[in-house]
N, C-alpha and C. Protein backbone atom coordinates (compact mmCIF):
# COMPACT_ATOMS: atom_id res chain seq x y z
N MET A 1 22.99 69.72 80.13
CA MET A 1 23.41 68.41 79.68
C MET A 1 22.78 68.11 78.31
N LYS A 2 23.38 67.56 77.34
CA LYS A 2 22.60 67.31 76.04
C LYS A 2 21.93 66.04 76.23
N PRO A 3 20.82 66.04 75.46
CA PRO A 3 19.98 64.69 75.46
C PRO A 3 20.88 63.65 74.98
N GLY A 4 20.43 62.44 75.54
CA GLY A 4 21.24 61.34 75.27
C GLY A 4 22.41 61.08 76.09
N THR A 5 22.66 61.98 77.09
CA THR A 5 23.74 61.70 78.07
C THR A 5 23.31 60.74 79.02
N SER A 6 24.30 60.22 79.92
CA SER A 6 24.08 59.17 80.72
C SER A 6 23.09 59.55 81.85
N ARG A 7 23.03 60.85 82.20
CA ARG A 7 22.03 61.29 83.25
C ARG A 7 20.57 61.25 82.63
N GLY A 8 20.46 61.58 81.46
CA GLY A 8 19.08 61.52 80.93
C GLY A 8 18.66 60.10 80.68
N LYS A 9 19.48 59.27 80.22
CA LYS A 9 19.14 57.77 80.06
C LYS A 9 18.80 57.22 81.44
N GLY A 10 19.42 57.62 82.47
CA GLY A 10 19.16 57.02 83.80
C GLY A 10 17.70 57.36 84.30
N ARG A 11 17.33 58.85 84.09
CA ARG A 11 16.03 59.02 84.46
C ARG A 11 14.91 58.36 83.62
N LEU A 12 15.08 58.07 82.32
CA LEU A 12 14.13 57.36 81.53
C LEU A 12 14.06 55.89 82.11
N ARG A 13 15.10 55.28 82.50
CA ARG A 13 14.98 53.85 82.98
C ARG A 13 14.23 53.99 84.18
N ARG A 14 14.43 54.91 85.17
CA ARG A 14 13.73 54.94 86.37
C ARG A 14 12.24 55.19 86.17
N GLU A 15 11.72 55.97 85.23
CA GLU A 15 10.24 56.20 84.92
C GLU A 15 9.72 54.89 84.31
N ARG A 16 10.43 54.15 83.51
CA ARG A 16 9.93 52.86 82.96
C ARG A 16 9.66 51.96 84.03
N ARG A 17 10.50 51.73 85.08
CA ARG A 17 10.43 50.87 86.20
C ARG A 17 9.38 51.18 87.04
N SER A 18 8.93 52.58 87.15
CA SER A 18 7.89 52.86 88.07
C SER A 18 6.48 52.73 87.61
N ARG A 19 6.32 52.61 86.18
CA ARG A 19 4.98 52.39 85.64
C ARG A 19 4.26 51.18 86.09
N PRO A 20 4.87 50.06 86.00
CA PRO A 20 4.19 48.76 86.45
C PRO A 20 3.62 48.78 87.91
N ILE A 21 4.31 49.58 88.70
CA ILE A 21 3.82 49.69 90.07
C ILE A 21 2.54 50.32 90.21
N LEU A 22 2.21 51.31 89.17
CA LEU A 22 0.90 51.92 89.16
C LEU A 22 -0.20 51.02 88.77
N LEU A 23 0.11 49.97 87.95
CA LEU A 23 -0.91 49.05 87.49
C LEU A 23 -1.37 47.98 88.51
N VAL A 24 -0.48 47.80 89.57
CA VAL A 24 -0.94 46.84 90.64
C VAL A 24 -2.15 47.07 91.32
N PRO A 25 -2.44 48.33 91.66
CA PRO A 25 -3.83 48.57 92.47
C PRO A 25 -4.98 48.41 91.52
N LEU A 26 -4.76 48.82 90.26
CA LEU A 26 -5.81 48.57 89.30
C LEU A 26 -6.22 47.05 89.11
N LEU A 27 -5.01 46.29 88.85
CA LEU A 27 -5.47 44.79 88.62
C LEU A 27 -6.03 44.21 89.99
N ALA A 28 -5.61 44.79 91.08
CA ALA A 28 -6.19 44.19 92.25
C ALA A 28 -7.66 44.49 92.46
N GLY A 29 -7.97 45.70 91.88
CA GLY A 29 -9.41 46.11 92.05
C GLY A 29 -10.28 45.25 91.15
N VAL A 30 -9.79 45.01 89.89
CA VAL A 30 -10.56 44.08 89.01
C VAL A 30 -10.67 42.76 89.50
N ALA A 31 -9.58 42.24 90.05
CA ALA A 31 -9.71 40.88 90.59
C ALA A 31 -10.80 40.86 91.71
N SER A 32 -10.83 41.89 92.65
CA SER A 32 -11.71 41.89 93.70
C SER A 32 -13.16 41.94 93.16
N LEU A 33 -13.40 42.66 92.08
CA LEU A 33 -14.70 42.61 91.54
C LEU A 33 -15.15 41.38 90.92
N GLY A 34 -14.23 40.60 90.21
CA GLY A 34 -14.51 39.29 89.79
C GLY A 34 -14.80 38.39 90.83
N LEU A 35 -14.04 38.39 92.01
CA LEU A 35 -14.20 37.49 92.97
C LEU A 35 -15.55 37.75 93.78
N GLY A 36 -15.94 38.97 93.76
CA GLY A 36 -17.17 39.31 94.45
C GLY A 36 -18.28 38.77 93.64
N ALA A 37 -18.18 38.96 92.34
CA ALA A 37 -19.35 38.41 91.46
C ALA A 37 -19.44 36.97 91.58
N GLY A 38 -18.28 36.25 91.69
CA GLY A 38 -18.25 34.87 91.81
C GLY A 38 -18.84 34.33 93.15
N CYS A 39 -18.56 35.24 94.21
CA CYS A 39 -19.09 34.77 95.47
C CYS A 39 -20.64 35.00 95.53
N SER A 40 -21.08 36.03 94.79
CA SER A 40 -22.51 36.27 94.84
C SER A 40 -23.25 35.31 94.14
N GLU A 41 -22.80 34.76 92.97
CA GLU A 41 -23.40 33.61 92.28
C GLU A 41 -23.44 32.35 93.06
N GLU A 42 -22.26 32.21 93.77
CA GLU A 42 -22.24 30.92 94.68
C GLU A 42 -23.15 31.01 95.79
N ASP A 43 -23.33 32.27 96.38
CA ASP A 43 -24.23 32.31 97.44
C ASP A 43 -25.81 32.12 97.02
N GLU A 44 -26.01 32.66 95.83
CA GLU A 44 -27.43 32.44 95.36
C GLU A 44 -27.72 30.91 95.03
N ARG A 45 -26.73 30.23 94.49
CA ARG A 45 -26.94 28.74 94.38
C ARG A 45 -27.11 28.12 95.68
N THR A 46 -26.26 28.40 96.69
CA THR A 46 -26.33 27.84 97.92
C THR A 46 -27.66 28.12 98.62
N ASP A 47 -28.21 29.52 98.52
CA ASP A 47 -29.59 29.67 99.03
C ASP A 47 -30.64 28.85 98.40
N ALA A 48 -30.59 28.67 97.17
CA ALA A 48 -31.63 27.88 96.37
C ALA A 48 -31.60 26.51 96.79
N MET A 49 -30.30 25.83 97.14
CA MET A 49 -30.35 24.59 97.66
C MET A 49 -30.82 24.29 98.98
N LEU A 50 -30.67 25.33 99.82
CA LEU A 50 -31.25 25.38 101.23
C LEU A 50 -32.71 25.60 101.39
N GLU A 51 -33.33 26.26 100.22
CA GLU A 51 -34.82 26.52 100.39
C GLU A 51 -35.54 25.18 100.41
N PRO A 52 -36.47 25.10 101.29
CA PRO A 52 -37.36 23.83 101.34
C PRO A 52 -38.14 23.69 99.88
N GLN A 53 -38.11 22.45 99.33
CA GLN A 53 -38.66 22.16 98.17
C GLN A 53 -40.14 21.84 98.41
N VAL A 54 -41.16 22.62 97.74
CA VAL A 54 -42.52 22.23 97.94
C VAL A 54 -43.00 21.30 96.88
N GLU A 55 -43.57 20.21 97.29
CA GLU A 55 -43.94 19.24 96.39
C GLU A 55 -45.45 19.58 95.80
N ARG A 56 -45.59 19.53 94.56
CA ARG A 56 -46.95 19.80 93.99
C ARG A 56 -47.76 18.50 93.82
N PRO A 57 -48.93 18.58 94.31
CA PRO A 57 -49.72 17.33 94.21
C PRO A 57 -49.96 16.91 92.69
N ALA A 58 -49.75 15.72 92.43
CA ALA A 58 -50.01 15.30 91.11
C ALA A 58 -51.46 15.29 90.71
N ALA A 59 -51.85 15.42 89.41
CA ALA A 59 -53.15 15.46 89.02
C ALA A 59 -53.99 14.25 89.38
N GLU A 60 -55.12 14.45 89.84
CA GLU A 60 -55.73 13.23 90.33
C GLU A 60 -56.37 12.50 89.11
N PRO A 61 -56.25 11.32 89.06
CA PRO A 61 -56.82 10.53 87.72
C PRO A 61 -58.37 10.70 87.75
N LEU A 62 -58.80 10.91 86.46
CA LEU A 62 -60.29 11.07 86.23
C LEU A 62 -61.11 9.97 86.80
N ALA A 63 -60.60 8.75 86.82
CA ALA A 63 -61.36 7.65 87.36
C ALA A 63 -61.57 7.54 88.77
N THR A 64 -60.67 8.38 89.46
CA THR A 64 -60.87 8.43 91.01
C THR A 64 -61.58 9.56 91.44
N ARG A 65 -62.03 10.46 90.55
CA ARG A 65 -62.77 11.68 91.00
C ARG A 65 -64.20 11.35 91.16
N PRO A 66 -64.92 12.07 92.13
CA PRO A 66 -66.17 11.86 92.23
C PRO A 66 -67.09 11.96 90.99
N ALA A 67 -68.20 11.28 90.89
CA ALA A 67 -68.93 11.17 89.63
C ALA A 67 -69.59 12.69 89.35
N SER A 68 -69.82 13.45 90.31
CA SER A 68 -70.40 14.75 90.12
C SER A 68 -69.28 15.79 89.52
N GLU A 69 -67.89 15.30 89.61
CA GLU A 69 -66.88 16.28 89.00
C GLU A 69 -66.46 15.83 87.70
N ARG A 70 -66.99 14.72 87.28
CA ARG A 70 -66.58 14.20 85.93
C ARG A 70 -67.46 14.70 84.74
N ALA A 71 -66.87 15.06 83.63
CA ALA A 71 -67.72 15.53 82.49
C ALA A 71 -68.57 14.42 81.93
N ALA A 72 -69.65 14.61 81.52
CA ALA A 72 -70.54 13.62 80.95
C ALA A 72 -70.11 13.21 79.67
N PRO A 73 -69.91 12.06 79.19
CA PRO A 73 -69.46 11.71 77.99
C PRO A 73 -70.45 12.16 76.81
N ALA A 74 -69.93 12.55 75.75
CA ALA A 74 -70.71 12.93 74.58
C ALA A 74 -71.56 11.74 74.11
N PRO A 75 -72.92 11.92 73.79
CA PRO A 75 -73.70 10.73 73.24
C PRO A 75 -73.13 10.37 71.85
N PRO A 76 -73.24 9.08 71.60
CA PRO A 76 -72.75 8.68 70.13
C PRO A 76 -73.65 9.25 69.10
N PRO A 77 -73.25 9.37 67.76
CA PRO A 77 -74.07 9.90 66.73
C PRO A 77 -75.32 8.98 66.54
N GLY A 78 -76.52 9.66 66.40
CA GLY A 78 -77.71 8.92 66.32
C GLY A 78 -78.48 8.50 67.43
N ALA A 79 -77.89 8.88 68.55
CA ALA A 79 -78.38 8.64 69.91
C ALA A 79 -79.63 9.40 70.27
N ASP A 80 -80.66 9.04 70.97
CA ASP A 80 -81.76 9.83 71.28
C ASP A 80 -81.36 10.96 72.12
N ALA A 81 -82.17 12.05 72.10
CA ALA A 81 -81.87 13.22 73.09
C ALA A 81 -81.92 12.67 74.42
N PRO A 82 -81.17 13.37 75.29
CA PRO A 82 -81.24 13.05 76.67
C PRO A 82 -82.55 13.34 77.44
N THR A 83 -83.00 12.64 78.38
CA THR A 83 -84.21 12.96 79.04
C THR A 83 -83.97 14.09 79.89
N PRO A 84 -85.03 14.92 79.92
CA PRO A 84 -84.99 16.18 80.76
C PRO A 84 -84.86 15.85 82.30
N ALA A 85 -84.14 16.66 83.00
CA ALA A 85 -84.01 16.40 84.39
C ALA A 85 -85.31 16.45 85.11
N PRO A 86 -85.52 15.67 86.21
CA PRO A 86 -86.70 15.77 86.97
C PRO A 86 -87.02 17.16 87.31
N GLY A 87 -88.39 17.46 87.15
CA GLY A 87 -88.82 18.88 87.47
C GLY A 87 -88.75 19.92 86.30
N ALA A 88 -87.84 19.48 85.23
CA ALA A 88 -87.74 20.43 84.05
C ALA A 88 -88.83 20.24 83.18
N GLU A 89 -89.34 21.34 82.55
CA GLU A 89 -90.55 21.11 81.67
C GLU A 89 -90.04 20.77 80.20
N ALA A 90 -90.50 19.73 79.66
CA ALA A 90 -90.16 19.41 78.27
C ALA A 90 -90.88 20.30 77.36
N VAL A 91 -89.99 20.59 76.30
CA VAL A 91 -90.55 21.65 75.23
C VAL A 91 -90.89 20.69 74.01
N GLY A 92 -92.10 20.73 73.61
CA GLY A 92 -92.54 19.89 72.50
C GLY A 92 -92.35 20.51 71.18
N PRO A 93 -92.66 19.75 70.12
CA PRO A 93 -92.48 20.46 68.75
C PRO A 93 -93.48 21.61 68.55
N GLU A 94 -94.63 21.47 69.12
CA GLU A 94 -95.80 22.59 69.01
C GLU A 94 -95.20 23.84 69.68
N GLU A 95 -94.61 23.73 70.86
CA GLU A 95 -94.05 24.88 71.60
C GLU A 95 -92.93 25.54 70.72
N MET A 96 -92.07 24.68 70.14
CA MET A 96 -90.92 25.15 69.47
C MET A 96 -91.36 25.88 68.21
N ALA A 97 -92.42 25.39 67.49
CA ALA A 97 -92.93 26.01 66.28
C ALA A 97 -93.56 27.31 66.61
N ALA A 98 -94.21 27.36 67.75
CA ALA A 98 -94.94 28.62 68.07
C ALA A 98 -93.96 29.63 68.53
N ALA A 99 -92.79 29.27 69.11
CA ALA A 99 -91.68 30.20 69.53
C ALA A 99 -91.20 30.89 68.23
N ALA A 100 -91.05 30.21 67.09
CA ALA A 100 -90.55 30.79 65.95
C ALA A 100 -91.37 31.27 64.94
N ALA A 101 -92.66 31.36 65.24
CA ALA A 101 -93.72 31.64 64.33
C ALA A 101 -93.80 33.12 64.19
N SER A 102 -94.35 33.59 62.91
CA SER A 102 -94.58 34.91 62.75
C SER A 102 -96.03 35.28 63.24
N GLU A 103 -96.33 36.63 63.20
CA GLU A 103 -97.72 37.05 63.78
C GLU A 103 -98.74 36.46 62.89
N LEU A 104 -98.52 36.40 61.65
CA LEU A 104 -99.57 35.83 60.67
C LEU A 104 -99.68 34.37 61.06
N GLU A 105 -98.79 33.51 61.33
CA GLU A 105 -98.82 32.19 61.53
C GLU A 105 -99.55 31.95 62.97
N LEU A 106 -99.39 32.93 63.84
CA LEU A 106 -100.10 32.87 65.21
C LEU A 106 -101.48 33.30 65.22
N GLN A 107 -102.01 33.78 64.18
CA GLN A 107 -103.38 34.45 64.01
C GLN A 107 -104.40 33.12 64.31
N PRO A 108 -105.32 33.35 65.11
CA PRO A 108 -106.34 32.21 65.16
C PRO A 108 -107.12 32.07 63.89
N GLU A 109 -107.46 30.93 63.55
CA GLU A 109 -108.18 30.59 62.31
C GLU A 109 -109.72 30.34 62.62
N LEU A 110 -110.62 31.13 62.04
CA LEU A 110 -112.07 31.20 62.44
C LEU A 110 -112.81 30.38 61.24
N THR A 111 -112.16 30.08 60.21
CA THR A 111 -112.85 29.27 59.16
C THR A 111 -112.42 27.95 59.15
N ASP A 112 -113.40 27.15 58.77
CA ASP A 112 -113.06 25.69 58.61
C ASP A 112 -112.84 25.49 57.05
N TRP A 113 -111.61 25.03 56.78
CA TRP A 113 -111.29 24.88 55.37
C TRP A 113 -111.50 23.46 54.87
N THR A 114 -112.18 22.59 55.62
CA THR A 114 -112.29 21.13 55.20
C THR A 114 -113.72 21.14 54.54
N GLY A 115 -113.93 19.97 53.85
CA GLY A 115 -115.36 19.74 53.31
C GLY A 115 -115.63 20.38 51.93
N GLY A 116 -114.57 20.86 51.31
CA GLY A 116 -114.81 21.46 49.86
C GLY A 116 -115.13 20.32 48.77
N ASN A 117 -115.73 20.83 47.67
CA ASN A 117 -115.97 19.97 46.63
C ASN A 117 -114.61 19.90 45.74
N ALA A 118 -114.10 18.73 45.59
CA ALA A 118 -112.82 18.54 44.91
C ALA A 118 -113.07 18.62 43.47
N ASP A 119 -114.15 18.23 42.86
CA ASP A 119 -114.37 18.50 41.42
C ASP A 119 -114.41 19.89 41.05
N GLU A 120 -115.18 20.72 41.78
CA GLU A 120 -115.08 22.19 41.65
C GLU A 120 -113.80 22.74 41.73
N GLY A 121 -113.13 22.23 42.72
CA GLY A 121 -111.66 22.71 42.89
C GLY A 121 -110.81 22.44 41.68
N GLY A 122 -110.96 21.16 40.96
CA GLY A 122 -110.23 20.75 39.91
C GLY A 122 -110.33 21.79 38.81
N LYS A 123 -111.64 22.35 38.70
CA LYS A 123 -111.80 23.31 37.56
C LYS A 123 -111.01 24.56 37.77
N LEU A 124 -111.09 25.01 38.91
CA LEU A 124 -110.28 26.28 39.28
C LEU A 124 -108.80 26.00 39.10
N TYR A 125 -108.37 24.78 39.53
CA TYR A 125 -107.03 24.41 39.40
C TYR A 125 -106.50 24.46 37.94
N THR A 126 -107.38 23.99 37.00
CA THR A 126 -107.00 24.03 35.56
C THR A 126 -106.73 25.42 35.05
N VAL A 127 -107.58 26.33 35.55
CA VAL A 127 -107.38 27.68 35.00
C VAL A 127 -106.28 28.47 35.65
N TYR A 128 -106.11 28.36 36.93
CA TYR A 128 -105.13 29.11 37.65
C TYR A 128 -103.91 28.30 38.10
N CYS A 129 -103.86 27.15 38.16
CA CYS A 129 -102.75 26.46 38.80
C CYS A 129 -101.92 25.56 37.83
N LEU A 130 -102.66 25.04 36.85
CA LEU A 130 -101.86 24.07 35.96
C LEU A 130 -100.73 24.52 35.33
N ALA A 131 -100.68 25.77 34.93
CA ALA A 131 -99.53 26.37 34.22
C ALA A 131 -98.16 26.15 34.96
N CYS A 132 -98.11 26.18 36.20
CA CYS A 132 -96.94 25.96 37.11
C CYS A 132 -96.85 24.46 37.68
N HIS A 133 -97.97 24.05 38.10
CA HIS A 133 -97.86 22.78 38.91
C HIS A 133 -98.24 21.58 38.03
N GLY A 134 -98.59 21.70 36.86
CA GLY A 134 -98.82 20.61 35.92
C GLY A 134 -100.18 19.97 36.06
N ALA A 135 -100.58 19.28 34.86
CA ALA A 135 -101.92 18.67 34.73
C ALA A 135 -102.14 17.69 36.03
N GLU A 136 -101.28 17.00 36.47
CA GLU A 136 -101.33 16.12 37.53
C GLU A 136 -100.83 16.56 38.77
N GLY A 137 -100.51 17.75 38.90
CA GLY A 137 -100.01 18.31 40.15
C GLY A 137 -98.53 17.99 40.43
N ARG A 138 -97.82 17.56 39.63
CA ARG A 138 -96.39 17.00 39.92
C ARG A 138 -95.34 18.07 39.82
N GLY A 139 -95.85 19.50 39.72
CA GLY A 139 -94.74 20.46 39.59
C GLY A 139 -94.14 20.61 38.40
N ASP A 140 -94.62 20.15 37.19
CA ASP A 140 -93.97 20.07 35.98
C ASP A 140 -94.79 20.72 34.76
N GLY A 141 -95.45 21.86 35.26
CA GLY A 141 -96.29 22.68 34.23
C GLY A 141 -95.36 23.26 33.20
N PRO A 142 -96.05 23.80 32.23
CA PRO A 142 -95.34 24.56 31.17
C PRO A 142 -94.34 25.66 31.56
N SER A 143 -94.68 26.24 32.76
CA SER A 143 -93.97 27.51 33.17
C SER A 143 -92.89 26.98 34.29
N ALA A 144 -92.94 25.83 34.62
CA ALA A 144 -91.95 25.37 35.65
C ALA A 144 -90.51 25.51 35.48
N PRO A 145 -90.07 25.22 34.10
CA PRO A 145 -88.61 25.40 33.85
C PRO A 145 -88.09 26.76 34.17
N MET A 146 -88.99 27.70 34.09
CA MET A 146 -88.54 29.16 34.24
C MET A 146 -88.58 29.62 35.75
N LEU A 147 -89.00 28.68 36.63
CA LEU A 147 -89.22 29.06 38.00
C LEU A 147 -88.03 28.38 39.00
N ASN A 148 -87.54 29.12 39.92
CA ASN A 148 -86.72 28.59 40.85
C ASN A 148 -86.88 29.29 42.21
N PRO A 149 -87.35 28.48 43.19
CA PRO A 149 -87.52 27.04 43.19
C PRO A 149 -88.64 26.53 42.44
N LYS A 150 -88.59 25.31 42.01
CA LYS A 150 -89.63 24.62 41.29
C LYS A 150 -90.96 24.55 42.02
N PRO A 151 -92.14 24.58 41.23
CA PRO A 151 -93.41 24.52 41.78
C PRO A 151 -93.57 23.27 42.68
N ARG A 152 -94.40 23.35 43.62
CA ARG A 152 -94.75 22.17 44.63
C ARG A 152 -95.39 20.92 43.86
N ASP A 153 -94.81 19.85 44.18
CA ASP A 153 -95.41 18.52 43.68
C ASP A 153 -96.43 18.17 44.63
N PHE A 154 -97.67 18.40 44.36
CA PHE A 154 -98.81 18.06 45.18
C PHE A 154 -99.08 16.61 45.26
N SER A 155 -98.62 15.86 44.16
CA SER A 155 -98.90 14.30 44.15
C SER A 155 -98.24 13.63 45.29
N SER A 156 -97.01 14.16 45.78
CA SER A 156 -96.34 13.59 46.75
C SER A 156 -96.84 13.73 48.18
N GLY A 157 -97.66 14.74 48.37
CA GLY A 157 -98.24 14.98 49.70
C GLY A 157 -97.27 15.57 50.70
N VAL A 158 -96.05 16.00 50.28
CA VAL A 158 -95.02 16.45 51.11
C VAL A 158 -94.94 18.04 50.95
N TYR A 159 -95.19 18.73 52.26
CA TYR A 159 -95.18 20.19 52.25
C TYR A 159 -94.21 20.51 53.38
N TYR A 160 -93.84 21.80 53.08
CA TYR A 160 -92.81 22.39 54.03
C TYR A 160 -93.27 23.58 54.80
N ILE A 161 -94.37 24.09 54.53
CA ILE A 161 -94.89 25.38 55.25
C ILE A 161 -95.93 24.91 56.26
N ASP A 162 -95.55 25.39 57.55
CA ASP A 162 -96.54 25.27 58.66
C ASP A 162 -97.23 26.54 58.84
N ALA A 163 -98.23 26.83 58.29
CA ALA A 163 -98.81 28.06 58.20
C ALA A 163 -99.60 28.56 59.62
N ASN A 164 -99.67 27.70 60.33
CA ASN A 164 -100.43 27.91 61.62
C ASN A 164 -99.63 27.54 62.99
N ALA A 165 -98.36 27.27 62.72
CA ALA A 165 -97.40 27.07 63.78
C ALA A 165 -97.92 25.87 64.79
N ASP A 166 -98.20 24.84 64.20
CA ASP A 166 -98.73 23.63 65.07
C ASP A 166 -97.80 22.41 64.85
N ALA A 167 -96.62 22.72 64.21
CA ALA A 167 -95.66 21.69 63.92
C ALA A 167 -96.12 20.61 62.98
N LYS A 168 -97.22 20.92 62.22
CA LYS A 168 -97.68 20.00 61.18
C LYS A 168 -97.76 20.73 59.94
N THR A 169 -97.58 20.00 58.81
CA THR A 169 -97.78 20.60 57.36
C THR A 169 -98.78 19.79 56.55
N GLY A 170 -99.18 20.40 55.57
CA GLY A 170 -100.15 19.74 54.60
C GLY A 170 -101.58 19.68 55.18
N GLU A 171 -101.96 20.26 56.33
CA GLU A 171 -103.22 20.37 56.87
C GLU A 171 -104.07 21.34 55.87
N ALA A 172 -105.45 21.27 56.03
CA ALA A 172 -106.27 22.12 55.14
C ALA A 172 -106.02 23.60 55.46
N ILE A 173 -105.77 23.93 56.74
CA ILE A 173 -105.60 25.32 57.13
C ILE A 173 -104.19 25.79 56.53
N ASP A 174 -103.16 24.94 56.47
CA ASP A 174 -101.91 25.30 55.80
C ASP A 174 -102.07 25.64 54.36
N LEU A 175 -102.74 24.74 53.49
CA LEU A 175 -103.01 24.99 52.20
C LEU A 175 -103.91 26.15 51.90
N ALA A 176 -104.89 26.43 52.77
CA ALA A 176 -105.80 27.60 52.55
C ALA A 176 -105.06 28.82 52.77
N ARG A 177 -104.12 28.82 53.86
CA ARG A 177 -103.43 30.08 54.06
C ARG A 177 -102.43 30.45 53.00
N VAL A 178 -101.75 29.37 52.48
CA VAL A 178 -100.84 29.58 51.53
C VAL A 178 -101.53 29.97 50.21
N ILE A 179 -102.65 29.52 49.81
CA ILE A 179 -103.34 29.94 48.69
C ILE A 179 -103.79 31.38 48.88
N ARG A 180 -104.17 31.84 50.02
CA ARG A 180 -104.77 33.17 50.21
C ARG A 180 -103.60 34.17 50.39
N GLU A 181 -102.50 33.86 51.15
CA GLU A 181 -101.55 34.82 51.38
C GLU A 181 -100.25 34.63 50.59
N GLY A 182 -100.11 33.47 49.87
CA GLY A 182 -99.03 33.29 49.06
C GLY A 182 -97.77 32.61 49.97
N PRO A 183 -96.94 31.74 49.31
CA PRO A 183 -95.92 31.06 50.17
C PRO A 183 -94.91 32.08 50.66
N GLY A 184 -94.67 33.20 50.16
CA GLY A 184 -93.67 34.15 50.45
C GLY A 184 -94.13 34.82 51.92
N ALA A 185 -95.51 34.72 52.26
CA ALA A 185 -95.75 35.22 53.47
C ALA A 185 -95.31 34.29 54.65
N PHE A 186 -94.84 33.19 54.32
CA PHE A 186 -94.40 32.14 55.29
C PHE A 186 -92.92 31.80 55.13
N GLY A 187 -92.30 32.63 54.49
CA GLY A 187 -90.78 32.23 54.19
C GLY A 187 -90.67 31.25 53.08
N GLY A 188 -91.62 31.17 52.14
CA GLY A 188 -91.50 30.32 50.98
C GLY A 188 -91.22 31.15 49.72
N SER A 189 -91.50 30.56 48.64
CA SER A 189 -91.21 31.08 47.37
C SER A 189 -92.16 32.42 47.01
N THR A 190 -91.57 33.33 46.55
CA THR A 190 -92.32 34.65 46.17
C THR A 190 -93.02 34.51 44.71
N ALA A 191 -92.64 33.35 43.96
CA ALA A 191 -93.09 33.26 42.68
C ALA A 191 -94.64 33.04 42.56
N MET A 192 -95.26 32.40 43.51
CA MET A 192 -96.68 32.18 43.57
C MET A 192 -97.31 33.43 44.25
N PRO A 193 -98.33 34.12 43.76
CA PRO A 193 -98.93 35.26 44.29
C PRO A 193 -99.90 34.84 45.39
N ALA A 194 -100.48 35.90 46.05
CA ALA A 194 -101.46 35.66 47.00
C ALA A 194 -102.75 35.71 46.22
N TRP A 195 -103.63 34.75 46.43
CA TRP A 195 -104.96 34.74 45.79
C TRP A 195 -106.10 35.10 46.54
N LYS A 196 -105.98 35.69 47.69
CA LYS A 196 -107.10 35.99 48.62
C LYS A 196 -108.04 37.10 47.88
N GLY A 197 -107.54 37.95 47.01
CA GLY A 197 -108.33 38.87 46.32
C GLY A 197 -109.02 38.38 45.17
N THR A 198 -108.82 37.03 44.80
CA THR A 198 -109.32 36.35 43.69
C THR A 198 -110.34 35.29 44.01
N PHE A 199 -110.04 34.49 44.95
CA PHE A 199 -110.95 33.40 45.43
C PHE A 199 -111.70 33.67 46.60
N THR A 200 -113.02 33.32 46.61
CA THR A 200 -113.82 33.37 47.71
C THR A 200 -113.44 32.39 48.72
N GLU A 201 -113.92 32.34 49.96
CA GLU A 201 -113.66 31.38 50.95
C GLU A 201 -114.06 29.98 50.44
N GLU A 202 -115.18 29.91 49.75
CA GLU A 202 -115.72 28.69 49.24
C GLU A 202 -114.77 28.05 48.18
N GLN A 203 -114.33 28.86 47.24
CA GLN A 203 -113.43 28.55 46.34
C GLN A 203 -112.09 28.06 46.69
N VAL A 204 -111.67 28.74 47.93
CA VAL A 204 -110.36 28.18 48.58
C VAL A 204 -110.67 26.83 49.16
N ARG A 205 -111.79 26.57 49.66
CA ARG A 205 -112.10 25.40 50.34
C ARG A 205 -112.17 24.30 49.30
N GLN A 206 -112.68 24.56 47.99
CA GLN A 206 -112.64 23.68 46.97
C GLN A 206 -111.39 23.45 46.43
N LEU A 207 -110.47 24.19 46.29
CA LEU A 207 -109.02 24.06 45.80
C LEU A 207 -108.33 23.18 46.95
N VAL A 208 -108.56 23.50 48.20
CA VAL A 208 -107.88 22.64 49.21
C VAL A 208 -108.38 21.18 49.12
N ALA A 209 -109.61 20.86 48.78
CA ALA A 209 -110.10 19.60 48.74
C ALA A 209 -109.50 18.93 47.46
N PHE A 210 -109.37 19.75 46.43
CA PHE A 210 -108.72 19.03 45.15
C PHE A 210 -107.18 18.77 45.39
N LEU A 211 -106.55 19.63 45.95
CA LEU A 211 -105.03 19.40 46.19
C LEU A 211 -104.81 18.21 47.13
N GLN A 212 -105.66 18.07 48.16
CA GLN A 212 -105.53 16.91 49.04
C GLN A 212 -105.90 15.63 48.24
N SER A 213 -106.88 15.73 47.29
CA SER A 213 -107.04 14.51 46.53
C SER A 213 -106.06 14.09 45.64
N LEU A 214 -105.13 15.07 45.16
CA LEU A 214 -104.12 14.73 44.28
C LEU A 214 -103.02 13.81 45.12
N SER A 215 -102.82 14.16 46.34
CA SER A 215 -101.86 13.27 47.06
C SER A 215 -102.28 12.05 47.42
N GLU A 216 -103.68 11.92 47.68
CA GLU A 216 -104.39 10.79 47.95
C GLU A 216 -104.25 9.68 46.71
N ARG A 217 -104.37 10.26 45.48
CA ARG A 217 -104.40 9.46 44.32
C ARG A 217 -102.98 9.34 43.67
N GLY A 218 -102.04 10.06 44.15
CA GLY A 218 -100.68 10.08 43.64
C GLY A 218 -100.72 10.96 42.24
N GLY A 219 -101.67 11.73 42.07
CA GLY A 219 -101.65 12.42 40.80
C GLY A 219 -103.19 12.72 40.46
N ARG A 220 -103.39 13.38 39.36
CA ARG A 220 -104.77 13.68 38.92
C ARG A 220 -105.48 12.48 38.30
N GLY A 221 -104.70 11.57 37.62
CA GLY A 221 -105.15 10.59 36.77
C GLY A 221 -105.56 9.40 37.68
């Protein structure tokens, strides 16, 4: 039979009618998967609703907490340091200075540097110290502009080196040690040399007396 005859056309129509029947099981399977997923999500929501809800305790207000659990308020600016707790040993300025001192500063001093002749010390000062510290000890000598830091102003009586770690500055021992060892040995300026190889102990004592007289008089004049 030739193509296009009534028998061939009939077979083609039967094949076309049978194809949708094959799609029915496939669509049913897809629908069952979607339905199963929807049921699973619904079951999870239901289980979550049935779980007992645990209430978390609210944070306790700070005012209702025991005093031992509260943080101590910060002291206002300028307030005095807190008093040490009972039984705690207070650390004074002398102990703090000694803790930070060098070996040189902690060396015991066997020489009394007081009682020198200020007039004799003034003569030594003119020869060895005036160029930097000035005629009246104000730190304004001819060489001062070339120095940084500037030379010490002895007329003010203000010193910053504590050469024996006793939390005090400007004492006779401080001045004597700085003259002999130089300020650099105590963390100060290295522009001033150590004079221990130049001055005798008596000359150092005389210089100390003269420097202390400058601060007492506010200058040399």
